[in-house]
Amino acid sequence: MKSGKTGWLISAALATGISLAPAATMAQLFGQPQAAPPPAQSTLPRTVSGAVLDAADKPIVGATVFIKSLKTKSIRSFTTVEKGHYYFAQVNKTDDFELWAELNGKKSAVKTVSSWDSRTQFVSDLKIK
């Protein structure tokens, strides 16, 4: 009989009829190791851009576009430029945002920029009627 804890465990296993299975058999008994989980959603920031249009689909220069974080409640704004374009950089992909445009008391529909959307470039036109 061996001395020490390891020897005692082997002797006890043999005395009780427990088989000491090799590692491959243990894997078969307890299932195969699981594959590594998929990588986490990219933490690279996204850009949000597009154009603000009127009811006749003509670009509106000078409209204010807002993007609001639903997590922090912070709001950023951008005044549209040539061809009604707007652009937001460094938009966190792990948060949800609301996006809308306003001009002279009129407001576009509110769009959602979802954290479930994995695109790094979110492009959406906003229509003020």
Protein backbone atom coordinates (compact mmCIF):
# COMPACT_ATOMS: atom_id res chain seq x y z
CA MET A 1 0.00 0.00 0.00
CA LYS A 2 1.29 3.47 -0.84
CA SER A 3 1.65 6.14 1.76
CA GLY A 4 0.26 9.66 1.56
CA LYS A 5 -3.08 11.02 0.39
CA THR A 6 -2.78 9.89 -3.23
CA GLY A 7 -1.94 6.33 -2.23
CA TRP A 8 -4.82 6.25 0.22
CA LEU A 9 -7.28 7.46 -2.40
CA ILE A 10 -6.13 4.85 -4.92
CA SER A 11 -6.35 2.10 -2.31
CA ALA A 12 -9.82 3.24 -1.21
CA ALA A 13 -11.03 3.35 -4.80
CA LEU A 14 -9.76 -0.16 -5.51
CA ALA A 15 -11.20 -1.54 -2.24
CA THR A 16 -14.68 -0.20 -3.06
CA GLY A 17 -14.61 -1.38 -6.67
CA ILE A 18 -14.46 2.12 -8.16
CA SER A 19 -12.63 2.17 -11.45
CA LEU A 20 -10.02 4.81 -12.02
CA ALA A 21 -10.90 5.76 -15.59
CA PRO A 22 -8.42 7.49 -17.90
CA ALA A 23 -9.10 11.12 -18.83
CA ALA A 24 -10.76 10.22 -22.15
CA THR A 25 -13.26 8.00 -20.39
CA MET A 26 -13.94 10.71 -17.79
CA ALA A 27 -14.72 13.12 -20.64
CA GLN A 28 -17.16 10.59 -22.05
CA LEU A 29 -18.80 10.14 -18.65
CA PHE A 30 -19.17 13.83 -17.90
CA GLY A 31 -19.61 15.18 -21.43
CA GLN A 32 -17.25 16.83 -23.82
CA PRO A 33 -15.80 20.21 -22.97
CA GLN A 34 -17.90 23.06 -24.34
CA ALA A 35 -16.61 25.33 -27.06
CA ALA A 36 -15.60 28.79 -25.99
CA PRO A 37 -18.50 31.27 -26.00
CA PRO A 38 -18.69 33.63 -28.98
CA PRO A 39 -16.76 36.86 -28.58
CA ALA A 40 -18.59 39.75 -26.92
CA GLN A 41 -20.21 42.38 -29.09
CA SER A 42 -17.59 44.68 -30.51
CA THR A 43 -16.91 47.62 -28.27
CA LEU A 44 -15.90 49.79 -31.21
CA PRO A 45 -18.11 52.87 -31.35
CA ARG A 46 -20.53 53.36 -34.20
CA THR A 47 -21.38 56.34 -36.37
CA VAL A 48 -24.94 57.54 -36.89
CA SER A 49 -25.63 59.56 -40.03
CA GLY A 50 -28.18 60.37 -42.68
CA ALA A 51 -30.15 63.31 -44.05
CA VAL A 52 -33.14 65.33 -42.93
CA LEU A 53 -35.83 65.65 -45.60
CA ASP A 54 -39.09 67.54 -45.98
CA ALA A 55 -42.44 66.04 -47.03
CA ALA A 56 -41.39 66.30 -50.71
CA ASP A 57 -38.10 64.44 -49.97
CA LYS A 58 -36.03 67.61 -50.43
CA PRO A 59 -33.03 68.01 -48.07
CA ILE A 60 -33.36 70.48 -45.22
CA VAL A 61 -30.28 72.52 -44.33
CA GLY A 62 -30.26 74.01 -40.81
CA ALA A 63 -32.49 71.44 -39.06
CA THR A 64 -31.32 70.24 -35.66
CA VAL A 65 -30.87 66.49 -35.20
CA PHE A 66 -30.82 65.08 -31.67
CA ILE A 67 -29.48 61.78 -30.39
CA LYS A 68 -30.40 60.82 -26.82
CA SER A 69 -28.86 57.99 -24.79
CA LEU A 70 -31.61 56.03 -23.07
CA LYS A 71 -29.08 54.90 -20.46
CA THR A 72 -27.52 58.23 -19.43
CA LYS A 73 -30.27 60.55 -20.75
CA SER A 74 -27.55 62.73 -22.31
CA ILE A 75 -28.46 64.48 -25.58
CA ARG A 76 -26.15 65.51 -28.40
CA SER A 77 -27.19 67.66 -31.35
CA PHE A 78 -26.05 68.39 -34.88
CA THR A 79 -27.23 71.11 -37.28
CA THR A 80 -27.67 69.71 -40.77
CA VAL A 81 -25.32 70.89 -43.47
CA GLU A 82 -25.31 70.75 -47.27
CA LYS A 83 -27.86 68.26 -48.65
CA GLY A 84 -29.43 67.99 -45.18
CA HIS A 85 -26.70 65.69 -43.90
CA TYR A 86 -26.03 65.01 -40.22
CA TYR A 87 -23.33 62.90 -38.54
CA PHE A 88 -22.62 61.63 -35.02
CA ALA A 89 -19.35 59.87 -34.20
CA GLN A 90 -18.40 57.84 -31.12
CA VAL A 91 -21.91 56.46 -30.48
CA ASN A 92 -21.71 53.63 -27.95
CA LYS A 93 -22.88 50.33 -29.46
CA THR A 94 -23.85 48.90 -26.06
CA ASP A 95 -26.50 51.57 -25.35
CA ASP A 96 -29.86 52.30 -26.96
CA PHE A 97 -30.50 55.78 -28.43
CA GLU A 98 -33.39 57.84 -29.72
CA LEU A 99 -32.84 59.90 -32.87
CA TRP A 100 -35.04 62.72 -34.22
CA ALA A 101 -34.90 66.05 -36.07
CA GLU A 102 -36.61 69.41 -35.43
CA LEU A 103 -37.08 72.62 -37.39
CA ASN A 104 -39.41 75.58 -36.72
CA GLY A 105 -41.50 73.69 -34.17
CA LYS A 106 -41.94 70.63 -36.41
CA LYS A 107 -40.46 67.29 -35.45
CA SER A 108 -39.66 64.06 -37.29
CA ALA A 109 -40.67 60.65 -36.03
CA VAL A 110 -38.35 59.30 -33.33
CA LYS A 111 -36.16 56.41 -34.46
CA THR A 112 -34.37 53.95 -32.21
CA VAL A 113 -30.70 53.07 -32.55
CA SER A 114 -30.64 49.72 -30.78
CA SER A 115 -27.78 48.07 -28.93
CA TRP A 116 -28.95 44.83 -30.61
CA ASP A 117 -27.99 46.30 -33.99
CA SER A 118 -24.36 45.29 -34.55
CA ARG A 119 -23.66 47.67 -37.44
CA THR A 120 -20.81 50.10 -36.88
CA GLN A 121 -22.41 52.55 -39.35
CA PHE A 122 -26.08 53.30 -38.70
CA VAL A 123 -27.58 55.34 -41.56
CA SER A 124 -31.12 56.72 -41.33
CA ASP A 125 -32.93 59.58 -43.03
CA LEU A 126 -35.35 61.63 -40.95
CA LYS A 127 -38.45 63.26 -42.45
CA ILE A 128 -39.99 66.47 -41.10
CA LYS A 129 -43.55 66.91 -42.41
